[in-house]
mmCIF file of all heavy atoms, coordinates in Angstrom:
data_MODEL
# 
_entry.id   MODEL 
# 
loop_
_atom_site.group_PDB 
_atom_site.id 
_atom_site.type_symbol 
_atom_site.label_atom_id 
_atom_site.label_alt_id 
_atom_site.label_comp_id 
_atom_site.label_asym_id 
_atom_site.label_entity_id 
_atom_site.label_seq_id 
_atom_site.pdbx_PDB_ins_code 
_atom_site.Cartn_x 
_atom_site.Cartn_y 
_atom_site.Cartn_z 
_atom_site.occupancy 
_atom_site.B_iso_or_equiv 
_atom_site.pdbx_formal_charge 
_atom_site.auth_seq_id 
_atom_site.auth_comp_id 
_atom_site.auth_asym_id 
_atom_site.auth_atom_id 
_atom_site.pdbx_PDB_model_num 
ATOM 1   N N   . ARG A 1 1  ? -70.026 67.695 19.822 1.00 0.00 ? 1  ARG A N   1 
ATOM 2   C CA  . ARG A 1 1  ? -71.021 66.758 20.366 1.00 0.00 ? 1  ARG A CA  1 
ATOM 3   C C   . ARG A 1 1  ? -72.358 66.863 19.644 1.00 0.00 ? 1  ARG A C   1 
ATOM 4   O O   . ARG A 1 1  ? -73.194 65.970 19.784 1.00 0.00 ? 1  ARG A O   1 
ATOM 5   C CB  . ARG A 1 1  ? -71.219 67.026 21.859 1.00 0.00 ? 1  ARG A CB  1 
ATOM 6   C CG  . ARG A 1 1  ? -70.003 66.730 22.705 1.00 0.00 ? 1  ARG A CG  1 
ATOM 7   C CD  . ARG A 1 1  ? -70.240 67.010 24.172 1.00 0.00 ? 1  ARG A CD  1 
ATOM 8   N NE  . ARG A 1 1  ? -68.965 67.042 24.890 1.00 0.00 ? 1  ARG A NE  1 
ATOM 9   C CZ  . ARG A 1 1  ? -68.466 68.108 25.494 1.00 0.00 ? 1  ARG A CZ  1 
ATOM 10  N NH1 . ARG A 1 1  ? -69.159 69.249 25.510 1.00 0.00 ? 1  ARG A NH1 1 
ATOM 11  N NH2 . ARG A 1 1  ? -67.302 68.051 26.099 1.00 0.00 ? 1  ARG A NH2 1 
ATOM 12  N N   . ARG A 1 2  ? -72.578 67.951 18.935 1.00 0.00 ? 2  ARG A N   1 
ATOM 13  C CA  . ARG A 1 2  ? -73.863 68.140 18.262 1.00 0.00 ? 2  ARG A CA  1 
ATOM 14  C C   . ARG A 1 2  ? -73.737 68.089 16.750 1.00 0.00 ? 2  ARG A C   1 
ATOM 15  O O   . ARG A 1 2  ? -74.622 68.540 16.016 1.00 0.00 ? 2  ARG A O   1 
ATOM 16  C CB  . ARG A 1 2  ? -74.470 69.479 18.690 1.00 0.00 ? 2  ARG A CB  1 
ATOM 17  C CG  . ARG A 1 2  ? -73.608 70.671 18.350 1.00 0.00 ? 2  ARG A CG  1 
ATOM 18  C CD  . ARG A 1 2  ? -74.024 71.936 19.061 1.00 0.00 ? 2  ARG A CD  1 
ATOM 19  N NE  . ARG A 1 2  ? -75.291 72.439 18.599 1.00 0.00 ? 2  ARG A NE  1 
ATOM 20  C CZ  . ARG A 1 2  ? -75.572 73.749 18.517 1.00 0.00 ? 2  ARG A CZ  1 
ATOM 21  N NH1 . ARG A 1 2  ? -74.677 74.648 18.859 1.00 0.00 ? 2  ARG A NH1 1 
ATOM 22  N NH2 . ARG A 1 2  ? -76.744 74.138 18.103 1.00 0.00 ? 2  ARG A NH2 1 
ATOM 23  N N   . SER A 1 3  ? -72.640 67.529 16.225 1.00 0.00 ? 3  SER A N   1 
ATOM 24  C CA  . SER A 1 3  ? -72.425 67.488 14.785 1.00 0.00 ? 3  SER A CA  1 
ATOM 25  C C   . SER A 1 3  ? -71.426 66.393 14.440 1.00 0.00 ? 3  SER A C   1 
ATOM 26  O O   . SER A 1 3  ? -70.927 65.680 15.316 1.00 0.00 ? 3  SER A O   1 
ATOM 27  C CB  . SER A 1 3  ? -71.885 68.838 14.300 1.00 0.00 ? 3  SER A CB  1 
ATOM 28  O OG  . SER A 1 3  ? -70.543 69.008 14.739 1.00 0.00 ? 3  SER A OG  1 
ATOM 29  N N   . ASN A 1 4  ? -71.113 66.274 13.161 1.00 0.00 ? 4  ASN A N   1 
ATOM 30  C CA  . ASN A 1 4  ? -70.071 65.344 12.721 1.00 0.00 ? 4  ASN A CA  1 
ATOM 31  C C   . ASN A 1 4  ? -68.750 66.083 12.497 1.00 0.00 ? 4  ASN A C   1 
ATOM 32  O O   . ASN A 1 4  ? -67.925 65.679 11.676 1.00 0.00 ? 4  ASN A O   1 
ATOM 33  C CB  . ASN A 1 4  ? -70.499 64.617 11.441 1.00 0.00 ? 4  ASN A CB  1 
ATOM 34  C CG  . ASN A 1 4  ? -70.481 65.532 10.224 1.00 0.00 ? 4  ASN A CG  1 
ATOM 35  O OD1 . ASN A 1 4  ? -70.801 66.721 10.327 1.00 0.00 ? 4  ASN A OD1 1 
ATOM 36  N ND2 . ASN A 1 4  ? -70.142 64.994 9.068  1.00 0.00 ? 4  ASN A ND2 1 
ATOM 37  N N   . LEU A 1 5  ? -68.525 67.155 13.235 1.00 0.00 ? 5  LEU A N   1 
ATOM 38  C CA  . LEU A 1 5  ? -67.343 67.993 13.048 1.00 0.00 ? 5  LEU A CA  1 
ATOM 39  C C   . LEU A 1 5  ? -66.046 67.199 13.113 1.00 0.00 ? 5  LEU A C   1 
ATOM 40  O O   . LEU A 1 5  ? -65.163 67.351 12.250 1.00 0.00 ? 5  LEU A O   1 
ATOM 41  C CB  . LEU A 1 5  ? -67.318 69.105 14.122 1.00 0.00 ? 5  LEU A CB  1 
ATOM 42  C CG  . LEU A 1 5  ? -66.076 70.002 14.118 1.00 0.00 ? 5  LEU A CG  1 
ATOM 43  C CD1 . LEU A 1 5  ? -66.024 70.845 12.862 1.00 0.00 ? 5  LEU A CD1 1 
ATOM 44  C CD2 . LEU A 1 5  ? -66.052 70.888 15.364 1.00 0.00 ? 5  LEU A CD2 1 
ATOM 45  N N   . VAL A 1 6  ? -65.908 66.334 14.116 1.00 0.00 ? 6  VAL A N   1 
ATOM 46  C CA  . VAL A 1 6  ? -64.657 65.597 14.291 1.00 0.00 ? 6  VAL A CA  1 
ATOM 47  C C   . VAL A 1 6  ? -64.346 64.743 13.072 1.00 0.00 ? 6  VAL A C   1 
ATOM 48  O O   . VAL A 1 6  ? -63.215 64.733 12.563 1.00 0.00 ? 6  VAL A O   1 
ATOM 49  C CB  . VAL A 1 6  ? -64.712 64.734 15.567 1.00 0.00 ? 6  VAL A CB  1 
ATOM 50  C CG1 . VAL A 1 6  ? -63.527 63.777 15.629 1.00 0.00 ? 6  VAL A CG1 1 
ATOM 51  C CG2 . VAL A 1 6  ? -64.728 65.619 16.804 1.00 0.00 ? 6  VAL A CG2 1 
ATOM 52  N N   . HIS A 1 7  ? -65.346 64.028 12.576 1.00 0.00 ? 7  HIS A N   1 
ATOM 53  C CA  . HIS A 1 7  ? -65.091 63.161 11.432 1.00 0.00 ? 7  HIS A CA  1 
ATOM 54  C C   . HIS A 1 7  ? -64.947 63.955 10.132 1.00 0.00 ? 7  HIS A C   1 
ATOM 55  O O   . HIS A 1 7  ? -64.265 63.507 9.211  1.00 0.00 ? 7  HIS A O   1 
ATOM 56  C CB  . HIS A 1 7  ? -66.177 62.096 11.325 1.00 0.00 ? 7  HIS A CB  1 
ATOM 57  C CG  . HIS A 1 7  ? -66.036 61.035 12.361 1.00 0.00 ? 7  HIS A CG  1 
ATOM 58  N ND1 . HIS A 1 7  ? -67.091 60.252 12.782 1.00 0.00 ? 7  HIS A ND1 1 
ATOM 59  C CD2 . HIS A 1 7  ? -64.974 60.630 13.093 1.00 0.00 ? 7  HIS A CD2 1 
ATOM 60  C CE1 . HIS A 1 7  ? -66.678 59.408 13.702 1.00 0.00 ? 7  HIS A CE1 1 
ATOM 61  N NE2 . HIS A 1 7  ? -65.399 59.624 13.915 1.00 0.00 ? 7  HIS A NE2 1 
ATOM 62  N N   . ALA A 1 8  ? -65.568 65.115 10.063 1.00 0.00 ? 8  ALA A N   1 
ATOM 63  C CA  . ALA A 1 8  ? -65.349 65.965 8.895  1.00 0.00 ? 8  ALA A CA  1 
ATOM 64  C C   . ALA A 1 8  ? -63.903 66.461 8.861  1.00 0.00 ? 8  ALA A C   1 
ATOM 65  O O   . ALA A 1 8  ? -63.286 66.562 7.797  1.00 0.00 ? 8  ALA A O   1 
ATOM 66  C CB  . ALA A 1 8  ? -66.306 67.152 8.919  1.00 0.00 ? 8  ALA A CB  1 
ATOM 67  N N   . LEU A 1 9  ? -63.352 66.764 10.029 1.00 0.00 ? 9  LEU A N   1 
ATOM 68  C CA  . LEU A 1 9  ? -61.981 67.268 10.104 1.00 0.00 ? 9  LEU A CA  1 
ATOM 69  C C   . LEU A 1 9  ? -60.936 66.179 9.910  1.00 0.00 ? 9  LEU A C   1 
ATOM 70  O O   . LEU A 1 9  ? -59.845 66.434 9.395  1.00 0.00 ? 9  LEU A O   1 
ATOM 71  C CB  . LEU A 1 9  ? -61.749 67.946 11.461 1.00 0.00 ? 9  LEU A CB  1 
ATOM 72  C CG  . LEU A 1 9  ? -62.482 69.273 11.690 1.00 0.00 ? 9  LEU A CG  1 
ATOM 73  C CD1 . LEU A 1 9  ? -62.350 69.721 13.137 1.00 0.00 ? 9  LEU A CD1 1 
ATOM 74  C CD2 . LEU A 1 9  ? -61.956 70.353 10.760 1.00 0.00 ? 9  LEU A CD2 1 
ATOM 75  N N   . THR A 1 10 ? -61.265 64.950 10.321 1.00 0.00 ? 10 THR A N   1 
ATOM 76  C CA  . THR A 1 10 ? -60.270 63.871 10.244 1.00 0.00 ? 10 THR A CA  1 
ATOM 77  C C   . THR A 1 10 ? -60.474 62.946 9.053  1.00 0.00 ? 10 THR A C   1 
ATOM 78  O O   . THR A 1 10 ? -59.564 62.190 8.694  1.00 0.00 ? 10 THR A O   1 
ATOM 79  C CB  . THR A 1 10 ? -60.295 63.033 11.533 1.00 0.00 ? 10 THR A CB  1 
ATOM 80  O OG1 . THR A 1 10 ? -61.635 62.544 11.763 1.00 0.00 ? 10 THR A OG1 1 
ATOM 81  C CG2 . THR A 1 10 ? -59.867 63.877 12.721 1.00 0.00 ? 10 THR A CG2 1 
ATOM 82  N N   . MET A 1 11 ? -61.672 62.971 8.447  1.00 0.00 ? 11 MET A N   1 
ATOM 83  C CA  . MET A 1 11 ? -61.985 62.143 7.276  1.00 0.00 ? 11 MET A CA  1 
ATOM 84  C C   . MET A 1 11 ? -61.574 60.681 7.479  1.00 0.00 ? 11 MET A C   1 
ATOM 85  O O   . MET A 1 11 ? -60.735 60.144 6.746  1.00 0.00 ? 11 MET A O   1 
ATOM 86  C CB  . MET A 1 11 ? -61.298 62.714 6.030  1.00 0.00 ? 11 MET A CB  1 
ATOM 87  C CG  . MET A 1 11 ? -61.763 64.114 5.669  1.00 0.00 ? 11 MET A CG  1 
ATOM 88  S SD  . MET A 1 11 ? -61.059 64.762 4.145  1.00 0.00 ? 11 MET A SD  1 
ATOM 89  C CE  . MET A 1 11 ? -59.365 65.027 4.638  1.00 0.00 ? 11 MET A CE  1 
ATOM 90  N N   . PRO A 1 12 ? -62.125 59.996 8.483  1.00 0.00 ? 12 PRO A N   1 
ATOM 91  C CA  . PRO A 1 12 ? -61.674 58.629 8.780  1.00 0.00 ? 12 PRO A CA  1 
ATOM 92  C C   . PRO A 1 12 ? -61.925 57.637 7.652  1.00 0.00 ? 12 PRO A C   1 
ATOM 93  O O   . PRO A 1 12 ? -61.210 56.639 7.537  1.00 0.00 ? 12 PRO A O   1 
ATOM 94  C CB  . PRO A 1 12 ? -62.490 58.265 10.020 1.00 0.00 ? 12 PRO A CB  1 
ATOM 95  C CG  . PRO A 1 12 ? -63.710 59.134 9.948  1.00 0.00 ? 12 PRO A CG  1 
ATOM 96  C CD  . PRO A 1 12 ? -63.221 60.422 9.354  1.00 0.00 ? 12 PRO A CD  1 
ATOM 97  N N   . TRP A 1 13 ? -62.931 57.912 6.808  1.00 0.00 ? 13 TRP A N   1 
ATOM 98  C CA  . TRP A 1 13 ? -63.220 56.967 5.726  1.00 0.00 ? 13 TRP A CA  1 
ATOM 99  C C   . TRP A 1 13 ? -62.123 56.995 4.657  1.00 0.00 ? 13 TRP A C   1 
ATOM 100 O O   . TRP A 1 13 ? -61.952 56.060 3.912  1.00 0.00 ? 13 TRP A O   1 
ATOM 101 C CB  . TRP A 1 13 ? -64.570 57.289 5.080  1.00 0.00 ? 13 TRP A CB  1 
ATOM 102 C CG  . TRP A 1 13 ? -64.765 58.747 4.871  1.00 0.00 ? 13 TRP A CG  1 
ATOM 103 C CD1 . TRP A 1 13 ? -64.346 59.527 3.829  1.00 0.00 ? 13 TRP A CD1 1 
ATOM 104 C CD2 . TRP A 1 13 ? -65.412 59.636 5.777  1.00 0.00 ? 13 TRP A CD2 1 
ATOM 105 N NE1 . TRP A 1 13 ? -64.692 60.822 4.022  1.00 0.00 ? 13 TRP A NE1 1 
ATOM 106 C CE2 . TRP A 1 13 ? -65.352 60.929 5.203  1.00 0.00 ? 13 TRP A CE2 1 
ATOM 107 C CE3 . TRP A 1 13 ? -66.042 59.462 7.007  1.00 0.00 ? 13 TRP A CE3 1 
ATOM 108 C CZ2 . TRP A 1 13 ? -65.892 62.042 5.844  1.00 0.00 ? 13 TRP A CZ2 1 
ATOM 109 C CZ3 . TRP A 1 13 ? -66.581 60.561 7.625  1.00 0.00 ? 13 TRP A CZ3 1 
ATOM 110 C CH2 . TRP A 1 13 ? -66.507 61.835 7.049  1.00 0.00 ? 13 TRP A CH2 1 
ATOM 111 N N   . ASN A 1 14 ? -61.368 58.094 4.586  1.00 0.00 ? 14 ASN A N   1 
ATOM 112 C CA  . ASN A 1 14 ? -60.273 58.136 3.614  1.00 0.00 ? 14 ASN A CA  1 
ATOM 113 C C   . ASN A 1 14 ? -59.213 57.093 3.911  1.00 0.00 ? 14 ASN A C   1 
ATOM 114 O O   . ASN A 1 14 ? -58.534 56.604 3.010  1.00 0.00 ? 14 ASN A O   1 
ATOM 115 C CB  . ASN A 1 14 ? -59.640 59.530 3.601  1.00 0.00 ? 14 ASN A CB  1 
ATOM 116 C CG  . ASN A 1 14 ? -60.368 60.479 2.667  1.00 0.00 ? 14 ASN A CG  1 
ATOM 117 O OD1 . ASN A 1 14 ? -61.340 60.091 2.034  1.00 0.00 ? 14 ASN A OD1 1 
ATOM 118 N ND2 . ASN A 1 14 ? -59.905 61.704 2.586  1.00 0.00 ? 14 ASN A ND2 1 
ATOM 119 N N   . ALA A 1 15 ? -59.035 56.760 5.195  1.00 0.00 ? 15 ALA A N   1 
ATOM 120 C CA  . ALA A 1 15 ? -58.050 55.743 5.551  1.00 0.00 ? 15 ALA A CA  1 
ATOM 121 C C   . ALA A 1 15 ? -58.415 54.402 4.930  1.00 0.00 ? 15 ALA A C   1 
ATOM 122 O O   . ALA A 1 15 ? -57.546 53.643 4.491  1.00 0.00 ? 15 ALA A O   1 
ATOM 123 C CB  . ALA A 1 15 ? -57.953 55.625 7.071  1.00 0.00 ? 15 ALA A CB  1 
ATOM 124 N N   . GLN A 1 16 ? -59.729 54.129 4.864  1.00 0.00 ? 16 GLN A N   1 
ATOM 125 C CA  . GLN A 1 16 ? -60.182 52.879 4.274  1.00 0.00 ? 16 GLN A CA  1 
ATOM 126 C C   . GLN A 1 16 ? -59.941 52.869 2.763  1.00 0.00 ? 16 GLN A C   1 
ATOM 127 O O   . GLN A 1 16 ? -59.832 51.812 2.150  1.00 0.00 ? 16 GLN A O   1 
ATOM 128 C CB  . GLN A 1 16 ? -61.664 52.685 4.572  1.00 0.00 ? 16 GLN A CB  1 
ATOM 129 C CG  . GLN A 1 16 ? -61.989 52.645 6.064  1.00 0.00 ? 16 GLN A CG  1 
ATOM 130 C CD  . GLN A 1 16 ? -63.479 52.635 6.319  1.00 0.00 ? 16 GLN A CD  1 
ATOM 131 O OE1 . GLN A 1 16 ? -64.282 52.564 5.391  1.00 0.00 ? 16 GLN A OE1 1 
ATOM 132 N NE2 . GLN A 1 16 ? -63.854 52.692 7.596  1.00 0.00 ? 16 GLN A NE2 1 
ATOM 133 N N   . LEU A 1 17 ? -59.853 54.060 2.178  1.00 0.00 ? 17 LEU A N   1 
ATOM 134 C CA  . LEU A 1 17 ? -59.624 54.157 0.739  1.00 0.00 ? 17 LEU A CA  1 
ATOM 135 C C   . LEU A 1 17 ? -58.150 54.339 0.409  1.00 0.00 ? 17 LEU A C   1 
ATOM 136 O O   . LEU A 1 17 ? -57.790 54.567 -0.739 1.00 0.00 ? 17 LEU A O   1 
ATOM 137 C CB  . LEU A 1 17 ? -60.423 55.342 0.168  1.00 0.00 ? 17 LEU A CB  1 
ATOM 138 C CG  . LEU A 1 17 ? -61.942 55.278 0.375  1.00 0.00 ? 17 LEU A CG  1 
ATOM 139 C CD1 . LEU A 1 17 ? -62.588 56.568 -0.126 1.00 0.00 ? 17 LEU A CD1 1 
ATOM 140 C CD2 . LEU A 1 17 ? -62.532 54.082 -0.354 1.00 0.00 ? 17 LEU A CD2 1 
ATOM 141 N N   . GLY A 1 18 ? -57.303 54.265 1.442  1.00 0.00 ? 18 GLY A N   1 
ATOM 142 C CA  . GLY A 1 18 ? -55.876 54.414 1.202  1.00 0.00 ? 18 GLY A CA  1 
ATOM 143 C C   . GLY A 1 18 ? -55.432 55.842 1.009  1.00 0.00 ? 18 GLY A C   1 
ATOM 144 O O   . GLY A 1 18 ? -54.358 56.096 0.456  1.00 0.00 ? 18 GLY A O   1 
ATOM 145 N N   . ARG A 1 19 ? -56.238 56.813 1.477  1.00 0.00 ? 19 ARG A N   1 
ATOM 146 C CA  . ARG A 1 19 ? -55.892 58.224 1.288  1.00 0.00 ? 19 ARG A CA  1 
ATOM 147 C C   . ARG A 1 19 ? -55.927 58.958 2.636  1.00 0.00 ? 19 ARG A C   1 
ATOM 148 O O   . ARG A 1 19 ? -56.465 60.045 2.749  1.00 0.00 ? 19 ARG A O   1 
ATOM 149 C CB  . ARG A 1 19 ? -56.868 58.898 0.317  1.00 0.00 ? 19 ARG A CB  1 
ATOM 150 C CG  . ARG A 1 19 ? -56.849 58.315 -1.072 1.00 0.00 ? 19 ARG A CG  1 
ATOM 151 C CD  . ARG A 1 19 ? -57.477 59.292 -2.059 1.00 0.00 ? 19 ARG A CD  1 
ATOM 152 N NE  . ARG A 1 19 ? -58.834 59.642 -1.696 1.00 0.00 ? 19 ARG A NE  1 
ATOM 153 C CZ  . ARG A 1 19 ? -59.915 59.002 -2.087 1.00 0.00 ? 19 ARG A CZ  1 
ATOM 154 N NH1 . ARG A 1 19 ? -59.780 57.937 -2.865 1.00 0.00 ? 19 ARG A NH1 1 
ATOM 155 N NH2 . ARG A 1 19 ? -61.128 59.389 -1.733 1.00 0.00 ? 19 ARG A NH2 1 
ATOM 156 N N   . GLU A 1 20 ? -55.340 58.355 3.636  1.00 0.00 ? 20 GLU A N   1 
ATOM 157 C CA  . GLU A 1 20 ? -55.380 58.958 4.957  1.00 0.00 ? 20 GLU A CA  1 
ATOM 158 C C   . GLU A 1 20 ? -54.600 60.271 4.970  1.00 0.00 ? 20 GLU A C   1 
ATOM 159 O O   . GLU A 1 20 ? -53.471 60.354 4.481  1.00 0.00 ? 20 GLU A O   1 
ATOM 160 C CB  . GLU A 1 20 ? -54.799 58.005 5.994  1.00 0.00 ? 20 GLU A CB  1 
ATOM 161 C CG  . GLU A 1 20 ? -54.916 58.534 7.420  1.00 0.00 ? 20 GLU A CG  1 
ATOM 162 C CD  . GLU A 1 20 ? -54.499 57.512 8.445  1.00 0.00 ? 20 GLU A CD  1 
ATOM 163 O OE1 . GLU A 1 20 ? -54.056 56.423 8.037  1.00 0.00 ? 20 GLU A OE1 1 
ATOM 164 O OE2 . GLU A 1 20 ? -54.607 57.797 9.643  1.00 0.00 ? 20 GLU A OE2 1 
ATOM 165 N N   . GLU A 1 21 ? -55.207 61.314 5.521  1.00 0.00 ? 21 GLU A N   1 
ATOM 166 C CA  . GLU A 1 21 ? -54.573 62.614 5.632  1.00 0.00 ? 21 GLU A CA  1 
ATOM 167 C C   . GLU A 1 21 ? -54.672 63.081 7.084  1.00 0.00 ? 21 GLU A C   1 
ATOM 168 O O   . GLU A 1 21 ? -55.691 62.877 7.730  1.00 0.00 ? 21 GLU A O   1 
ATOM 169 C CB  . GLU A 1 21 ? -55.251 63.640 4.720  1.00 0.00 ? 21 GLU A CB  1 
ATOM 170 C CG  . GLU A 1 21 ? -55.113 63.322 3.243  1.00 0.00 ? 21 GLU A CG  1 
ATOM 171 C CD  . GLU A 1 21 ? -55.837 64.350 2.377  1.00 0.00 ? 21 GLU A CD  1 
ATOM 172 O OE1 . GLU A 1 21 ? -55.260 65.421 2.145  1.00 0.00 ? 21 GLU A OE1 1 
ATOM 173 O OE2 . GLU A 1 21 ? -56.961 64.068 1.958  1.00 0.00 ? 21 GLU A OE2 1 
ATOM 174 N N   . ASN A 1 22 ? -53.639 63.710 7.550  1.00 0.00 ? 22 ASN A N   1 
ATOM 175 C CA  . ASN A 1 22 ? -53.635 64.209 8.917  1.00 0.00 ? 22 ASN A CA  1 
ATOM 176 C C   . ASN A 1 22 ? -53.352 65.707 8.885  1.00 0.00 ? 22 ASN A C   1 
ATOM 177 O O   . ASN A 1 22 ? -52.263 66.122 8.498  1.00 0.00 ? 22 ASN A O   1 
ATOM 178 C CB  . ASN A 1 22 ? -52.591 63.474 9.748  1.00 0.00 ? 22 ASN A CB  1 
ATOM 179 C CG  . ASN A 1 22 ? -52.620 63.903 11.208 1.00 0.00 ? 22 ASN A CG  1 
ATOM 180 O OD1 . ASN A 1 22 ? -53.533 64.607 11.635 1.00 0.00 ? 22 ASN A OD1 1 
ATOM 181 N ND2 . ASN A 1 22 ? -51.638 63.479 11.964 1.00 0.00 ? 22 ASN A ND2 1 
ATOM 182 N N   . PHE A 1 23 ? -54.333 66.488 9.300  1.00 0.00 ? 23 PHE A N   1 
ATOM 183 C CA  . PHE A 1 23 ? -54.198 67.944 9.276  1.00 0.00 ? 23 PHE A CA  1 
ATOM 184 C C   . PHE A 1 23 ? -53.672 68.502 10.604 1.00 0.00 ? 23 PHE A C   1 
ATOM 185 O O   . PHE A 1 23 ? -53.576 69.717 10.756 1.00 0.00 ? 23 PHE A O   1 
ATOM 186 C CB  . PHE A 1 23 ? -55.549 68.586 8.975  1.00 0.00 ? 23 PHE A CB  1 
ATOM 187 C CG  . PHE A 1 23 ? -56.081 68.283 7.597  1.00 0.00 ? 23 PHE A CG  1 
ATOM 188 C CD1 . PHE A 1 23 ? -57.442 68.412 7.333  1.00 0.00 ? 23 PHE A CD1 1 
ATOM 189 C CD2 . PHE A 1 23 ? -55.249 67.877 6.574  1.00 0.00 ? 23 PHE A CD2 1 
ATOM 190 C CE1 . PHE A 1 23 ? -57.951 68.151 6.066  1.00 0.00 ? 23 PHE A CE1 1 
ATOM 191 C CE2 . PHE A 1 23 ? -55.747 67.615 5.301  1.00 0.00 ? 23 PHE A CE2 1 
ATOM 192 C CZ  . PHE A 1 23 ? -57.099 67.750 5.042  1.00 0.00 ? 23 PHE A CZ  1 
ATOM 193 N N   . TYR A 1 24 ? -53.374 67.621 11.533 1.00 0.00 ? 24 TYR A N   1 
ATOM 194 C CA  . TYR A 1 24 ? -52.980 68.072 12.873 1.00 0.00 ? 24 TYR A CA  1 
ATOM 195 C C   . TYR A 1 24 ? -51.523 67.740 13.158 1.00 0.00 ? 24 TYR A C   1 
ATOM 196 O O   . TYR A 1 24 ? -51.032 66.714 12.706 1.00 0.00 ? 24 TYR A O   1 
ATOM 197 C CB  . TYR A 1 24 ? -53.905 67.432 13.923 1.00 0.00 ? 24 TYR A CB  1 
ATOM 198 C CG  . TYR A 1 24 ? -55.297 68.016 13.871 1.00 0.00 ? 24 TYR A CG  1 
ATOM 199 C CD1 . TYR A 1 24 ? -56.225 67.574 12.937 1.00 0.00 ? 24 TYR A CD1 1 
ATOM 200 C CD2 . TYR A 1 24 ? -55.665 69.048 14.721 1.00 0.00 ? 24 TYR A CD2 1 
ATOM 201 C CE1 . TYR A 1 24 ? -57.491 68.125 12.873 1.00 0.00 ? 24 TYR A CE1 1 
ATOM 202 C CE2 . TYR A 1 24 ? -56.923 69.612 14.669 1.00 0.00 ? 24 TYR A CE2 1 
ATOM 203 C CZ  . TYR A 1 24 ? -57.839 69.146 13.735 1.00 0.00 ? 24 TYR A CZ  1 
ATOM 204 O OH  . TYR A 1 24 ? -59.090 69.709 13.670 1.00 0.00 ? 24 TYR A OH  1 
ATOM 205 N N   . PRO A 1 25 ? -50.864 68.636 13.934 1.00 0.00 ? 25 PRO A N   1 
ATOM 206 C CA  . PRO A 1 25 ? -51.370 69.897 14.488 1.00 0.00 ? 25 PRO A CA  1 
ATOM 207 C C   . PRO A 1 25 ? -51.624 70.930 13.391 1.00 0.00 ? 25 PRO A C   1 
ATOM 208 O O   . PRO A 1 25 ? -50.912 70.956 12.380 1.00 0.00 ? 25 PRO A O   1 
ATOM 209 C CB  . PRO A 1 25 ? -50.255 70.343 15.430 1.00 0.00 ? 25 PRO A CB  1 
ATOM 210 C CG  . PRO A 1 25 ? -49.018 69.719 14.863 1.00 0.00 ? 25 PRO A CG  1 
ATOM 211 C CD  . PRO A 1 25 ? -49.445 68.396 14.312 1.00 0.00 ? 25 PRO A CD  1 
ATOM 212 N N   . ILE A 1 26 ? -52.631 71.770 13.603 1.00 0.00 ? 26 ILE A N   1 
ATOM 213 C CA  . ILE A 1 26 ? -52.939 72.818 12.631 1.00 0.00 ? 26 ILE A CA  1 
ATOM 214 C C   . ILE A 1 26 ? -51.766 73.794 12.585 1.00 0.00 ? 26 ILE A C   1 
ATOM 215 O O   . ILE A 1 26 ? -51.320 74.283 13.626 1.00 0.00 ? 26 ILE A O   1 
ATOM 216 C CB  . ILE A 1 26 ? -54.229 73.565 13.016 1.00 0.00 ? 26 ILE A CB  1 
ATOM 217 C CG1 . ILE A 1 26 ? -55.415 72.606 13.056 1.00 0.00 ? 26 ILE A CG1 1 
ATOM 218 C CG2 . ILE A 1 26 ? -54.507 74.708 12.039 1.00 0.00 ? 26 ILE A CG2 1 
ATOM 219 C CD1 . ILE A 1 26 ? -56.714 73.249 13.529 1.00 0.00 ? 26 ILE A CD1 1 
ATOM 220 N N   . PRO A 1 27 ? -51.244 74.097 11.409 1.00 0.00 ? 27 PRO A N   1 
ATOM 221 C CA  . PRO A 1 27 ? -50.121 75.041 11.316 1.00 0.00 ? 27 PRO A CA  1 
ATOM 222 C C   . PRO A 1 27 ? -50.463 76.392 11.926 1.00 0.00 ? 27 PRO A C   1 
ATOM 223 O O   . PRO A 1 27 ? -51.618 76.812 11.932 1.00 0.00 ? 27 PRO A O   1 
ATOM 224 C CB  . PRO A 1 27 ? -49.883 75.150 9.810  1.00 0.00 ? 27 PRO A CB  1 
ATOM 225 C CG  . PRO A 1 27 ? -50.417 73.867 9.248  1.00 0.00 ? 27 PRO A CG  1 
ATOM 226 C CD  . PRO A 1 27 ? -51.603 73.520 10.096 1.00 0.00 ? 27 PRO A CD  1 
ATOM 227 N N   . GLN A 1 28 ? -49.441 77.082 12.424 1.00 0.00 ? 28 GLN A N   1 
ATOM 228 C CA  . GLN A 1 28 ? -49.629 78.353 13.133 1.00 0.00 ? 28 GLN A CA  1 
ATOM 229 C C   . GLN A 1 28 ? -50.391 79.383 12.315 1.00 0.00 ? 28 GLN A C   1 
ATOM 230 O O   . GLN A 1 28 ? -51.223 80.119 12.836 1.00 0.00 ? 28 GLN A O   1 
ATOM 231 C CB  . GLN A 1 28 ? -48.261 78.942 13.522 1.00 0.00 ? 28 GLN A CB  1 
ATOM 232 C CG  . GLN A 1 28 ? -47.553 78.197 14.644 1.00 0.00 ? 28 GLN A CG  1 
ATOM 233 C CD  . GLN A 1 28 ? -47.930 78.727 16.018 1.00 0.00 ? 28 GLN A CD  1 
ATOM 234 O OE1 . GLN A 1 28 ? -49.088 79.034 16.279 1.00 0.00 ? 28 GLN A OE1 1 
ATOM 235 N NE2 . GLN A 1 28 ? -46.961 78.843 16.891 1.00 0.00 ? 28 GLN A NE2 1 
ATOM 236 N N   . ARG A 1 29 ? -50.111 79.438 11.023 1.00 0.00 ? 29 ARG A N   1 
ATOM 237 C CA  . ARG A 1 29 ? -50.769 80.419 10.160 1.00 0.00 ? 29 ARG A CA  1 
ATOM 238 C C   . ARG A 1 29 ? -51.688 79.760 9.150  1.00 0.00 ? 29 ARG A C   1 
ATOM 239 O O   . ARG A 1 29 ? -51.918 80.276 8.072  1.00 0.00 ? 29 ARG A O   1 
ATOM 240 C CB  . ARG A 1 29 ? -49.717 81.281 9.446  1.00 0.00 ? 29 ARG A CB  1 
ATOM 241 C CG  . ARG A 1 29 ? -48.994 82.244 10.396 1.00 0.00 ? 29 ARG A CG  1 
ATOM 242 C CD  . ARG A 1 29 ? -47.814 82.946 9.749  1.00 0.00 ? 29 ARG A CD  1 
ATOM 243 N NE  . ARG A 1 29 ? -47.288 83.990 10.613 1.00 0.00 ? 29 ARG A NE  1 
ATOM 244 C CZ  . ARG A 1 29 ? -46.525 83.782 11.685 1.00 0.00 ? 29 ARG A CZ  1 
ATOM 245 N NH1 . ARG A 1 29 ? -46.212 82.532 12.025 1.00 0.00 ? 29 ARG A NH1 1 
ATOM 246 N NH2 . ARG A 1 29 ? -46.090 84.786 12.420 1.00 0.00 ? 29 ARG A NH2 1 
# 
């Protein structure tokens, strides 16, 4: 709530560039 953490982790602008990446769920290790 006090940063851009969510968008840094999800990189929503990459979807607009055709490079959408999904890091979730975070792997166990």
